[in-house]
Every structure is written in C-alpha cells, then in structure tokens.
Amino acid sequence: MLDVIEKHSTKDIIDKYGLADPVFVTQPTMPKLDDYQECLKTIWENRWLTNDGQFHQEFERRLKEYLGVEHLNLFVNGTIALLVALQALRINSGEVITTPFTFAATPHVLY
C-alpha cells in the first residue's frame, strides 16, 4: 500500500479505492513554495541550520514588538520551555500538581 501512496495523490487513491473524501479538522496555512524555497536558500547559504539563526532572531524581534514586551525567548518545543520555566523559578523539589490530560513531557520535566 505504501508504494501506492508514494506514487499517487490523495485524490487518486480516494478515486481508485472508492474511499470517502477526507474530513479535515484543520489544514495548515502554507506559504507559496517559491517563497519557502527562498527562505531555505538563505538558511543554506548562511550555513546556520539550528537555533538563533537569522529567521529565529527576526521572529523573536517581531514577536516582542507585536506583544509590546521587552523580554521573550523562543523554544524548540514545550518540554524545553517547561524545563527552563522550572529552572528560572528555582523549582527543584516539592509537590507540583498537573493535569492527567497532558503530553508525557509535562510531568517528565519534573524528574
């Protein structure tokens, strides 16, 4: 089945197998491919593929300006953000109450 998916579009597969049209809860807003490729070209030419690159700094600056705040940090994921928050608040022991309906990383950062 994977070889079918790789060679055909979703519409082709739906038509071929008589499947129902998918119902999307949400779909991403995508930039034009040419614009995206231009960003990738800039990243590639700068040889900066990780945190704190040109686009990271620009996004952080614009977000601070938009929110009207002096300090702001971007994080690669929520786990790192939670870990930094706990360290900044110097929470290293005691009881922390969290919701059972959460991603596993939420309590994981407490260990």
PDB file of N, CA and C in Angstrom:
ATOM      1  N   MET A   1       0.825  -1.205   0.000  1.00  0.00           N
ATOM      2  CA  MET A   1       0.000   0.000   0.000  1.00  0.00           C
ATOM      3  C   MET A   1       0.860   1.257   0.000  1.00  0.00           C
ATOM      4  N   LEU A   2       2.038   1.228   0.676  1.00  0.00           N
ATOM      5  CA  LEU A   2       2.884   2.413   0.729  1.00  0.00           C
ATOM      6  C   LEU A   2       3.362   2.838  -0.650  1.00  0.00           C
ATOM      7  N   ASP A   3       3.651   1.870  -1.523  1.00  0.00           N
ATOM      8  CA  ASP A   3       4.099   2.243  -2.857  1.00  0.00           C
ATOM      9  C   ASP A   3       2.997   2.948  -3.629  1.00  0.00           C
ATOM     10  N   VAL A   4       1.733   2.621  -3.321  1.00  0.00           N
ATOM     11  CA  VAL A   4       0.601   3.300  -3.954  1.00  0.00           C
ATOM     12  C   VAL A   4       0.540   4.744  -3.477  1.00  0.00           C
ATOM     13  N   ILE A   5       0.735   4.955  -2.184  1.00  0.00           N
ATOM     14  CA  ILE A   5       0.677   6.295  -1.612  1.00  0.00           C
ATOM     15  C   ILE A   5       1.797   7.166  -2.167  1.00  0.00           C
ATOM     16  N   GLU A   6       2.988   6.592  -2.314  1.00  0.00           N
ATOM     17  CA  GLU A   6       4.123   7.367  -2.798  1.00  0.00           C
ATOM     18  C   GLU A   6       3.946   7.825  -4.234  1.00  0.00           C
ATOM     19  N   LYS A   7       3.229   7.051  -5.048  1.00  0.00           N
ATOM     20  CA  LYS A   7       3.129   7.346  -6.473  1.00  0.00           C
ATOM     21  C   LYS A   7       1.884   8.126  -6.863  1.00  0.00           C
ATOM     22  N   HIS A   8       0.924   8.217  -5.956  1.00  0.00           N
ATOM     23  CA  HIS A   8      -0.348   8.844  -6.308  1.00  0.00           C
ATOM     24  C   HIS A   8      -0.742   9.895  -5.274  1.00  0.00           C
ATOM     25  N   SER A   9      -1.529  10.845  -5.729  1.00  0.00           N
ATOM     26  CA  SER A   9      -2.031  11.858  -4.811  1.00  0.00           C
ATOM     27  C   SER A   9      -3.157  11.274  -3.971  1.00  0.00           C
ATOM     28  N   THR A  10      -3.528  11.975  -2.920  1.00  0.00           N
ATOM     29  CA  THR A  10      -4.637  11.541  -2.074  1.00  0.00           C
ATOM     30  C   THR A  10      -5.908  11.395  -2.897  1.00  0.00           C
ATOM     31  N   LYS A  11      -6.151  12.326  -3.799  1.00  0.00           N
ATOM     32  CA  LYS A  11      -7.346  12.275  -4.659  1.00  0.00           C
ATOM     33  C   LYS A  11      -7.337  11.019  -5.526  1.00  0.00           C
ATOM     34  N   ASP A  12      -6.173  10.675  -6.081  1.00  0.00           N
ATOM     35  CA  ASP A  12      -6.063   9.461  -6.890  1.00  0.00           C
ATOM     36  C   ASP A  12      -6.439   8.224  -6.079  1.00  0.00           C
ATOM     37  N   ILE A  13      -5.957   8.143  -4.865  1.00  0.00           N
ATOM     38  CA  ILE A  13      -6.224   6.982  -4.007  1.00  0.00           C
ATOM     39  C   ILE A  13      -7.704   6.917  -3.645  1.00  0.00           C
ATOM     40  N   ILE A  14      -8.295   8.056  -3.315  1.00  0.00           N
ATOM     41  CA  ILE A  14      -9.722   8.110  -2.983  1.00  0.00           C
ATOM     42  C   ILE A  14     -10.553   7.620  -4.158  1.00  0.00           C
ATOM     43  N   ASP A  15     -10.233   8.103  -5.349  1.00  0.00           N
ATOM     44  CA  ASP A  15     -10.968   7.705  -6.553  1.00  0.00           C
ATOM     45  C   ASP A  15     -10.759   6.224  -6.869  1.00  0.00           C
ATOM     46  N   LYS A  16      -9.529   5.762  -6.792  1.00  0.00           N
ATOM     47  CA  LYS A  16      -9.205   4.381  -7.156  1.00  0.00           C
ATOM     48  C   LYS A  16      -9.890   3.360  -6.246  1.00  0.00           C
ATOM     49  N   TYR A  17      -9.911   3.629  -4.947  1.00  0.00           N
ATOM     50  CA  TYR A  17     -10.444   2.662  -3.993  1.00  0.00           C
ATOM     51  C   TYR A  17     -11.849   2.993  -3.513  1.00  0.00           C
ATOM     52  N   GLY A  18     -12.452   4.031  -4.065  1.00  0.00           N
ATOM     53  CA  GLY A  18     -13.821   4.381  -3.697  1.00  0.00           C
ATOM     54  C   GLY A  18     -13.959   4.818  -2.253  1.00  0.00           C
ATOM     55  N   LEU A  19     -12.932   5.471  -1.738  1.00  0.00           N
ATOM     56  CA  LEU A  19     -12.965   5.919  -0.347  1.00  0.00           C
ATOM     57  C   LEU A  19     -13.746   7.220  -0.221  1.00  0.00           C
ATOM     58  N   ALA A  20     -14.220   7.481   0.967  1.00  0.00           N
ATOM     59  CA  ALA A  20     -14.914   8.739   1.233  1.00  0.00           C
ATOM     60  C   ALA A  20     -13.898   9.870   1.248  1.00  0.00           C
ATOM     61  N   ASP A  21     -14.341  11.041   0.850  1.00  0.00           N
ATOM     62  CA  ASP A  21     -13.463  12.205   0.911  1.00  0.00           C
ATOM     63  C   ASP A  21     -13.072  12.474   2.356  1.00  0.00           C
ATOM     64  N   PRO A  22     -11.817  12.841   2.605  1.00  0.00           N
ATOM     65  CA  PRO A  22     -11.388  13.110   3.979  1.00  0.00           C
ATOM     66  C   PRO A  22     -12.074  14.357   4.528  1.00  0.00           C
ATOM     67  N   VAL A  23     -12.296  14.335   5.834  1.00  0.00           N
ATOM     68  CA  VAL A  23     -12.843  15.498   6.524  1.00  0.00           C
ATOM     69  C   VAL A  23     -11.697  16.076   7.346  1.00  0.00           C
ATOM     70  N   PHE A  24     -11.270  17.276   7.003  1.00  0.00           N
ATOM     71  CA  PHE A  24     -10.147  17.902   7.693  1.00  0.00           C
ATOM     72  C   PHE A  24     -10.652  18.756   8.844  1.00  0.00           C
ATOM     73  N   VAL A  25     -10.100  18.521  10.024  1.00  0.00           N
ATOM     74  CA  VAL A  25     -10.423  19.348  11.175  1.00  0.00           C
ATOM     75  C   VAL A  25      -9.747  20.700  10.996  1.00  0.00           C
ATOM     76  N   THR A  26      -8.538  20.665  10.494  1.00  0.00           N
ATOM     77  CA  THR A  26      -7.790  21.883  10.226  1.00  0.00           C
ATOM     78  C   THR A  26      -6.779  21.595   9.130  1.00  0.00           C
ATOM     79  N   GLN A  27      -6.387  22.602   8.435  1.00  0.00           N
ATOM     80  CA  GLN A  27      -5.337  22.468   7.428  1.00  0.00           C
ATOM     81  C   GLN A  27      -4.353  23.608   7.631  1.00  0.00           C
ATOM     82  N   PRO A  28      -3.072  23.329   7.440  1.00  0.00           N
ATOM     83  CA  PRO A  28      -2.081  24.386   7.650  1.00  0.00           C
ATOM     84  C   PRO A  28      -2.177  25.463   6.585  1.00  0.00           C
ATOM     85  N   THR A  29      -1.823  26.652   6.975  1.00  0.00           N
ATOM     86  CA  THR A  29      -1.671  27.743   6.019  1.00  0.00           C
ATOM     87  C   THR A  29      -0.239  27.677   5.525  1.00  0.00           C
ATOM     88  N   MET A  30      -0.085  27.482   4.250  1.00  0.00           N
ATOM     89  CA  MET A  30       1.253  27.293   3.690  1.00  0.00           C
ATOM     90  C   MET A  30       1.661  28.496   2.853  1.00  0.00           C
ATOM     91  N   PRO A  31       2.936  28.874   2.939  1.00  0.00           N
ATOM     92  CA  PRO A  31       3.424  29.943   2.060  1.00  0.00           C
ATOM     93  C   PRO A  31       3.536  29.405   0.638  1.00  0.00           C
ATOM     94  N   LYS A  32       3.675  30.296  -0.315  1.00  0.00           N
ATOM     95  CA  LYS A  32       3.933  29.854  -1.675  1.00  0.00           C
ATOM     96  C   LYS A  32       5.266  29.109  -1.671  1.00  0.00           C
ATOM     97  N   LEU A  33       5.345  28.040  -2.426  1.00  0.00           N
ATOM     98  CA  LEU A  33       6.544  27.214  -2.446  1.00  0.00           C
ATOM     99  C   LEU A  33       7.777  28.024  -2.824  1.00  0.00           C
ATOM    100  N   ASP A  34       7.642  28.951  -3.760  1.00  0.00           N
ATOM    101  CA  ASP A  34       8.783  29.779  -4.162  1.00  0.00           C
ATOM    102  C   ASP A  34       9.307  30.614  -2.996  1.00  0.00           C
ATOM    103  N   ASP A  35       8.388  31.156  -2.185  1.00  0.00           N
ATOM    104  CA  ASP A  35       8.800  31.943  -1.015  1.00  0.00           C
ATOM    105  C   ASP A  35       9.523  31.062   0.000  1.00  0.00           C
ATOM    106  N   TYR A  36       9.005  29.870   0.204  1.00  0.00           N
ATOM    107  CA  TYR A  36       9.598  28.944   1.153  1.00  0.00           C
ATOM    108  C   TYR A  36      10.996  28.529   0.690  1.00  0.00           C
ATOM    109  N   GLN A  37      11.129  28.253  -0.602  1.00  0.00           N
ATOM    110  CA  GLN A  37      12.429  27.855  -1.133  1.00  0.00           C
ATOM    111  C   GLN A  37      13.443  28.996  -1.009  1.00  0.00           C
ATOM    112  N   GLU A  38      12.974  30.228  -1.129  1.00  0.00           N
ATOM    113  CA  GLU A  38      13.869  31.379  -0.972  1.00  0.00           C
ATOM    114  C   GLU A  38      14.387  31.445   0.466  1.00  0.00           C
ATOM    115  N   CYS A  39      13.515  31.178   1.437  1.00  0.00           N
ATOM    116  CA  CYS A  39      13.947  31.149   2.845  1.00  0.00           C
ATOM    117  C   CYS A  39      14.969  30.039   3.064  1.00  0.00           C
ATOM    118  N   LEU A  40      14.689  28.871   2.519  1.00  0.00           N
ATOM    119  CA  LEU A  40      15.624  27.754   2.665  1.00  0.00           C
ATOM    120  C   LEU A  40      16.963  28.068   2.019  1.00  0.00           C
ATOM    121  N   LYS A  41      16.934  28.746   0.898  1.00  0.00           N
ATOM    122  CA  LYS A  41      18.170  29.131   0.219  1.00  0.00           C
ATOM    123  C   LYS A  41      18.996  30.059   1.118  1.00  0.00           C
ATOM    124  N   THR A  42      18.330  31.018   1.750  1.00  0.00           N
ATOM    125  CA  THR A  42      19.016  31.944   2.658  1.00  0.00           C
ATOM    126  C   THR A  42      19.636  31.184   3.832  1.00  0.00           C
ATOM    127  N   ILE A  43      18.864  30.277   4.414  1.00  0.00           N
ATOM    128  CA  ILE A  43      19.375  29.470   5.532  1.00  0.00           C
ATOM    129  C   ILE A  43      20.574  28.651   5.076  1.00  0.00           C
ATOM    130  N   TRP A  44      20.450  28.020   3.921  1.00  0.00           N
ATOM    131  CA  TRP A  44      21.518  27.167   3.399  1.00  0.00           C
ATOM    132  C   TRP A  44      22.795  27.978   3.134  1.00  0.00           C
ATOM    133  N   GLU A  45      22.630  29.154   2.534  1.00  0.00           N
ATOM    134  CA  GLU A  45      23.795  29.987   2.227  1.00  0.00           C
ATOM    135  C   GLU A  45      24.489  30.492   3.486  1.00  0.00           C
ATOM    136  N   ASN A  46      23.716  30.774   4.550  1.00  0.00           N
ATOM    137  CA  ASN A  46      24.290  31.223   5.817  1.00  0.00           C
ATOM    138  C   ASN A  46      24.890  30.076   6.616  1.00  0.00           C
ATOM    139  N   ARG A  47      24.558  28.844   6.236  1.00  0.00           N
ATOM    140  CA  ARG A  47      25.055  27.627   6.900  1.00  0.00           C
ATOM    141  C   ARG A  47      24.706  27.617   8.389  1.00  0.00           C
ATOM    142  N   TRP A  48      23.552  28.166   8.725  1.00  0.00           N
ATOM    143  CA  TRP A  48      23.077  28.184  10.108  1.00  0.00           C
ATOM    144  C   TRP A  48      21.745  27.447  10.134  1.00  0.00           C
ATOM    145  N   LEU A  49      21.780  26.205  10.548  1.00  0.00           N
ATOM    146  CA  LEU A  49      20.606  25.348  10.460  1.00  0.00           C
ATOM    147  C   LEU A  49      19.893  25.141  11.787  1.00  0.00           C
ATOM    148  N   THR A  50      20.412  25.698  12.870  1.00  0.00           N
ATOM    149  CA  THR A  50      19.820  25.439  14.180  1.00  0.00           C
ATOM    150  C   THR A  50      19.374  26.735  14.845  1.00  0.00           C
ATOM    151  N   ASN A  51      19.163  26.673  16.135  1.00  0.00           N
ATOM    152  CA  ASN A  51      18.626  27.794  16.903  1.00  0.00           C
ATOM    153  C   ASN A  51      19.411  29.088  16.740  1.00  0.00           C
ATOM    154  N   ASP A  52      18.707  30.173  16.931  1.00  0.00           N
ATOM    155  CA  ASP A  52      19.266  31.519  16.973  1.00  0.00           C
ATOM    156  C   ASP A  52      19.827  31.997  15.640  1.00  0.00           C
ATOM    157  N   GLY A  53      19.314  31.446  14.556  1.00  0.00           N
ATOM    158  CA  GLY A  53      19.710  31.907  13.232  1.00  0.00           C
ATOM    159  C   GLY A  53      18.982  33.199  12.880  1.00  0.00           C
ATOM    160  N   GLN A  54      19.169  33.631  11.654  1.00  0.00           N
ATOM    161  CA  GLN A  54      18.614  34.898  11.177  1.00  0.00           C
ATOM    162  C   GLN A  54      17.096  34.957  11.319  1.00  0.00           C
ATOM    163  N   PHE A  55      16.396  33.917  10.902  1.00  0.00           N
ATOM    164  CA  PHE A  55      14.938  33.932  10.951  1.00  0.00           C
ATOM    165  C   PHE A  55      14.416  33.798  12.382  1.00  0.00           C
ATOM    166  N   HIS A  56      15.126  33.053  13.200  1.00  0.00           N
ATOM    167  CA  HIS A  56      14.782  32.921  14.616  1.00  0.00           C
ATOM    168  C   HIS A  56      14.845  34.295  15.289  1.00  0.00           C
ATOM    169  N   GLN A  57      15.944  34.996  15.072  1.00  0.00           N
ATOM    170  CA  GLN A  57      16.122  36.310  15.683  1.00  0.00           C
ATOM    171  C   GLN A  57      15.083  37.311  15.180  1.00  0.00           C
ATOM    172  N   GLU A  58      14.802  37.253  13.880  1.00  0.00           N
ATOM    173  CA  GLU A  58      13.814  38.174  13.296  1.00  0.00           C
ATOM    174  C   GLU A  58      12.423  37.907  13.848  1.00  0.00           C
ATOM    175  N   PHE A  59      12.049  36.631  13.958  1.00  0.00           N
ATOM    176  CA  PHE A  59      10.738  36.281  14.503  1.00  0.00           C
ATOM    177  C   PHE A  59      10.628  36.713  15.961  1.00  0.00           C
ATOM    178  N   GLU A  60      11.675  36.476  16.720  1.00  0.00           N
ATOM    179  CA  GLU A  60      11.690  36.871  18.133  1.00  0.00           C
ATOM    180  C   GLU A  60      11.539  38.388  18.273  1.00  0.00           C
ATOM    181  N   ARG A  61      12.269  39.141  17.451  1.00  0.00           N
ATOM    182  CA  ARG A  61      12.198  40.608  17.487  1.00  0.00           C
ATOM    183  C   ARG A  61      10.793  41.093  17.153  1.00  0.00           C
ATOM    184  N   ARG A  62      10.215  40.551  16.095  1.00  0.00           N
ATOM    185  CA  ARG A  62       8.874  40.973  15.679  1.00  0.00           C
ATOM    186  C   ARG A  62       7.812  40.589  16.702  1.00  0.00           C
ATOM    187  N   LEU A  63       7.973  39.422  17.316  1.00  0.00           N
ATOM    188  CA  LEU A  63       7.009  38.988  18.323  1.00  0.00           C
ATOM    189  C   LEU A  63       7.077  39.872  19.571  1.00  0.00           C
ATOM    190  N   LYS A  64       8.280  40.248  19.989  1.00  0.00           N
ATOM    191  CA  LYS A  64       8.429  41.175  21.122  1.00  0.00           C
ATOM    192  C   LYS A  64       7.752  42.507  20.811  1.00  0.00           C
ATOM    193  N   GLU A  65       7.980  42.975  19.600  1.00  0.00           N
ATOM    194  CA  GLU A  65       7.382  44.243  19.177  1.00  0.00           C
ATOM    195  C   GLU A  65       5.851  44.135  19.149  1.00  0.00           C
ATOM    196  N   TYR A  66       5.341  43.068  18.593  1.00  0.00           N
ATOM    197  CA  TYR A  66       3.896  42.868  18.488  1.00  0.00           C
ATOM    198  C   TYR A  66       3.241  42.765  19.863  1.00  0.00           C
ATOM    199  N   LEU A  67       3.887  42.040  20.773  1.00  0.00           N
ATOM    200  CA  LEU A  67       3.340  41.844  22.118  1.00  0.00           C
ATOM    201  C   LEU A  67       3.644  43.008  23.056  1.00  0.00           C
ATOM    202  N   GLY A  68       4.551  43.876  22.647  1.00  0.00           N
ATOM    203  CA  GLY A  68       4.908  45.014  23.486  1.00  0.00           C
ATOM    204  C   GLY A  68       5.646  44.607  24.745  1.00  0.00           C
ATOM    205  N   VAL A  69       6.525  43.601  24.618  1.00  0.00           N
ATOM    206  CA  VAL A  69       7.297  43.135  25.771  1.00  0.00           C
ATOM    207  C   VAL A  69       8.782  43.335  25.508  1.00  0.00           C
ATOM    208  N   GLU A  70       9.530  43.454  26.587  1.00  0.00           N
ATOM    209  CA  GLU A  70      10.971  43.689  26.473  1.00  0.00           C
ATOM    210  C   GLU A  70      11.745  42.382  26.339  1.00  0.00           C
ATOM    211  N   HIS A  71      11.268  41.341  27.018  1.00  0.00           N
ATOM    212  CA  HIS A  71      11.985  40.057  27.048  1.00  0.00           C
ATOM    213  C   HIS A  71      11.084  38.951  26.516  1.00  0.00           C
ATOM    214  N   LEU A  72      11.655  38.103  25.687  1.00  0.00           N
ATOM    215  CA  LEU A  72      10.919  36.986  25.110  1.00  0.00           C
ATOM    216  C   LEU A  72      11.930  35.966  24.618  1.00  0.00           C
ATOM    217  N   ASN A  73      11.648  34.689  24.831  1.00  0.00           N
ATOM    218  CA  ASN A  73      12.513  33.627  24.321  1.00  0.00           C
ATOM    219  C   ASN A  73      11.676  32.610  23.574  1.00  0.00           C
ATOM    220  N   LEU A  74      12.173  32.180  22.440  1.00  0.00           N
ATOM    221  CA  LEU A  74      11.540  31.115  21.678  1.00  0.00           C
ATOM    222  C   LEU A  74      12.186  29.794  22.053  1.00  0.00           C
ATOM    223  N   PHE A  75      11.377  28.738  22.078  1.00  0.00           N
ATOM    224  CA  PHE A  75      11.890  27.411  22.400  1.00  0.00           C
ATOM    225  C   PHE A  75      11.499  26.442  21.304  1.00  0.00           C
ATOM    226  N   VAL A  76      12.312  25.427  21.143  1.00  0.00           N
ATOM    227  CA  VAL A  76      12.088  24.449  20.097  1.00  0.00           C
ATOM    228  C   VAL A  76      10.845  23.592  20.378  1.00  0.00           C
ATOM    229  N   ASN A  77      10.495  23.417  21.636  1.00  0.00           N
ATOM    230  CA  ASN A  77       9.305  22.641  21.981  1.00  0.00           C
ATOM    231  C   ASN A  77       8.853  22.968  23.403  1.00  0.00           C
ATOM    232  N   GLY A  78       7.693  22.472  23.764  1.00  0.00           N
ATOM    233  CA  GLY A  78       7.124  22.749  25.075  1.00  0.00           C
ATOM    234  C   GLY A  78       7.897  22.123  26.217  1.00  0.00           C
ATOM    235  N   THR A  79       8.540  20.989  25.969  1.00  0.00           N
ATOM    236  CA  THR A  79       9.314  20.329  27.017  1.00  0.00           C
ATOM    237  C   THR A  79      10.456  21.228  27.477  1.00  0.00           C
ATOM    238  N   ILE A  80      11.184  21.781  26.538  1.00  0.00           N
ATOM    239  CA  ILE A  80      12.302  22.669  26.881  1.00  0.00           C
ATOM    240  C   ILE A  80      11.772  23.932  27.561  1.00  0.00           C
ATOM    241  N   ALA A  81      10.641  24.451  27.082  1.00  0.00           N
ATOM    242  CA  ALA A  81      10.052  25.650  27.697  1.00  0.00           C
ATOM    243  C   ALA A  81       9.681  25.379  29.156  1.00  0.00           C
ATOM    244  N   LEU A  82       9.068  24.223  29.428  1.00  0.00           N
ATOM    245  CA  LEU A  82       8.712  23.870  30.809  1.00  0.00           C
ATOM    246  C   LEU A  82       9.957  23.706  31.678  1.00  0.00           C
ATOM    247  N   LEU A  83      10.968  23.058  31.141  1.00  0.00           N
ATOM    248  CA  LEU A  83      12.202  22.844  31.895  1.00  0.00           C
ATOM    249  C   LEU A  83      12.855  24.176  32.263  1.00  0.00           C
ATOM    250  N   VAL A  84      12.930  25.093  31.313  1.00  0.00           N
ATOM    251  CA  VAL A  84      13.526  26.408  31.578  1.00  0.00           C
ATOM    252  C   VAL A  84      12.678  27.177  32.597  1.00  0.00           C
ATOM    253  N   ALA A  85      11.350  27.087  32.490  1.00  0.00           N
ATOM    254  CA  ALA A  85      10.475  27.777  33.442  1.00  0.00           C
ATOM    255  C   ALA A  85      10.711  27.253  34.859  1.00  0.00           C
ATOM    256  N   LEU A  86      10.803  25.943  35.015  1.00  0.00           N
ATOM    257  CA  LEU A  86      11.056  25.365  36.342  1.00  0.00           C
ATOM    258  C   LEU A  86      12.410  25.811  36.883  1.00  0.00           C
ATOM    259  N   GLN A  87      13.411  25.837  36.030  1.00  0.00           N
ATOM    260  CA  GLN A  87      14.742  26.269  36.466  1.00  0.00           C
ATOM    261  C   GLN A  87      14.753  27.753  36.812  1.00  0.00           C
ATOM    262  N   ALA A  88      14.065  28.561  36.007  1.00  0.00           N
ATOM    263  CA  ALA A  88      14.020  30.003  36.270  1.00  0.00           C
ATOM    264  C   ALA A  88      13.326  30.303  37.595  1.00  0.00           C
ATOM    265  N   LEU A  89      12.313  29.504  37.925  1.00  0.00           N
ATOM    266  CA  LEU A  89      11.593  29.683  39.189  1.00  0.00           C
ATOM    267  C   LEU A  89      12.254  28.945  40.350  1.00  0.00           C
ATOM    268  N   ARG A  90      13.359  28.283  40.055  1.00  0.00           N
ATOM    269  CA  ARG A  90      14.122  27.511  41.036  1.00  0.00           C
ATOM    270  C   ARG A  90      13.259  26.463  41.744  1.00  0.00           C
ATOM    271  N   ILE A  91      12.381  25.836  40.963  1.00  0.00           N
ATOM    272  CA  ILE A  91      11.559  24.738  41.487  1.00  0.00           C
ATOM    273  C   ILE A  91      12.333  23.447  41.245  1.00  0.00           C
ATOM    274  N   ASN A  92      12.871  22.878  42.314  1.00  0.00           N
ATOM    275  CA  ASN A  92      13.626  21.635  42.171  1.00  0.00           C
ATOM    276  C   ASN A  92      13.198  20.568  43.164  1.00  0.00           C
ATOM    277  N   SER A  93      12.169  20.863  43.942  1.00  0.00           N
ATOM    278  CA  SER A  93      11.630  19.856  44.852  1.00  0.00           C
ATOM    279  C   SER A  93      10.236  20.290  45.276  1.00  0.00           C
ATOM    280  N   GLY A  94       9.556  19.413  45.951  1.00  0.00           N
ATOM    281  CA  GLY A  94       8.217  19.727  46.423  1.00  0.00           C
ATOM    282  C   GLY A  94       7.168  19.092  45.537  1.00  0.00           C
ATOM    283  N   GLU A  95       5.939  19.505  45.740  1.00  0.00           N
ATOM    284  CA  GLU A  95       4.818  18.927  45.003  1.00  0.00           C
ATOM    285  C   GLU A  95       4.401  19.858  43.869  1.00  0.00           C
ATOM    286  N   VAL A  96       4.253  19.277  42.698  1.00  0.00           N
ATOM    287  CA  VAL A  96       3.769  20.013  41.535  1.00  0.00           C
ATOM    288  C   VAL A  96       2.528  19.288  41.034  1.00  0.00           C
ATOM    289  N   ILE A  97       1.425  19.985  40.976  1.00  0.00           N
ATOM    290  CA  ILE A  97       0.171  19.383  40.520  1.00  0.00           C
ATOM    291  C   ILE A  97      -0.040  19.747  39.057  1.00  0.00           C
ATOM    292  N   THR A  98      -0.304  18.742  38.259  1.00  0.00           N
ATOM    293  CA  THR A  98      -0.543  18.949  36.832  1.00  0.00           C
ATOM    294  C   THR A  98      -1.775  18.150  36.420  1.00  0.00           C
ATOM    295  N   THR A  99      -2.234  18.360  35.227  1.00  0.00           N
ATOM    296  CA  THR A  99      -3.408  17.673  34.732  1.00  0.00           C
ATOM    297  C   THR A  99      -3.040  16.287  34.199  1.00  0.00           C
ATOM    298  N   PRO A 100      -3.919  15.299  34.359  1.00  0.00           N
ATOM    299  CA  PRO A 100      -3.637  13.980  33.789  1.00  0.00           C
ATOM    300  C   PRO A 100      -3.822  13.973  32.265  1.00  0.00           C
ATOM    301  N   PHE A 101      -4.512  14.973  31.743  1.00  0.00           N
ATOM    302  CA  PHE A 101      -4.755  15.059  30.306  1.00  0.00           C
ATOM    303  C   PHE A 101      -3.702  15.972  29.699  1.00  0.00           C
ATOM    304  N   THR A 102      -2.503  15.428  29.496  1.00  0.00           N
ATOM    305  CA  THR A 102      -1.390  16.221  29.010  1.00  0.00           C
ATOM    306  C   THR A 102      -0.419  15.338  28.261  1.00  0.00           C
ATOM    307  N   PHE A 103       0.507  15.955  27.600  1.00  0.00           N
ATOM    308  CA  PHE A 103       1.589  15.240  26.925  1.00  0.00           C
ATOM    309  C   PHE A 103       2.525  14.689  28.003  1.00  0.00           C
ATOM    310  N   ALA A 104       3.133  13.569  27.730  1.00  0.00           N
ATOM    311  CA  ALA A 104       4.001  12.906  28.722  1.00  0.00           C
ATOM    312  C   ALA A 104       5.156  13.785  29.194  1.00  0.00           C
ATOM    313  N   ALA A 105       5.581  14.733  28.367  1.00  0.00           N
ATOM    314  CA  ALA A 105       6.711  15.595  28.733  1.00  0.00           C
ATOM    315  C   ALA A 105       6.389  16.513  29.906  1.00  0.00           C
ATOM    316  N   THR A 106       5.107  16.796  30.132  1.00  0.00           N
ATOM    317  CA  THR A 106       4.762  17.722  31.223  1.00  0.00           C
ATOM    318  C   THR A 106       5.277  17.223  32.560  1.00  0.00           C
ATOM    319  N   PRO A 107       4.925  16.010  32.999  1.00  0.00           N
ATOM    320  CA  PRO A 107       5.490  15.535  34.267  1.00  0.00           C
ATOM    321  C   PRO A 107       6.949  15.085  34.131  1.00  0.00           C
ATOM    322  N   HIS A 108       7.362  14.734  32.935  1.00  0.00           N
ATOM    323  CA  HIS A 108       8.726  14.245  32.728  1.00  0.00           C
ATOM    324  C   HIS A 108       9.777  15.291  33.127  1.00  0.00           C
ATOM    325  N   VAL A 109       9.503  16.556  32.870  1.00  0.00           N
ATOM    326  CA  VAL A 109      10.494  17.589  33.196  1.00  0.00           C
ATOM    327  C   VAL A 109      10.681  17.752  34.689  1.00  0.00           C
ATOM    328  N   LEU A 110       9.813  17.160  35.484  1.00  0.00           N
ATOM    329  CA  LEU A 110       9.916  17.277  36.930  1.00  0.00           C
ATOM    330  C   LEU A 110      10.939  16.312  37.519  1.00  0.00           C
ATOM    331  N   TYR A 111      11.408  15.371  36.745  1.00  0.00           N
ATOM    332  CA  TYR A 111      12.362  14.372  37.258  1.00  0.00           C
ATOM    333  C   TYR A 111      13.777  14.805  37.069  1.00  0.00           C
TER     334      TYR A 111
END
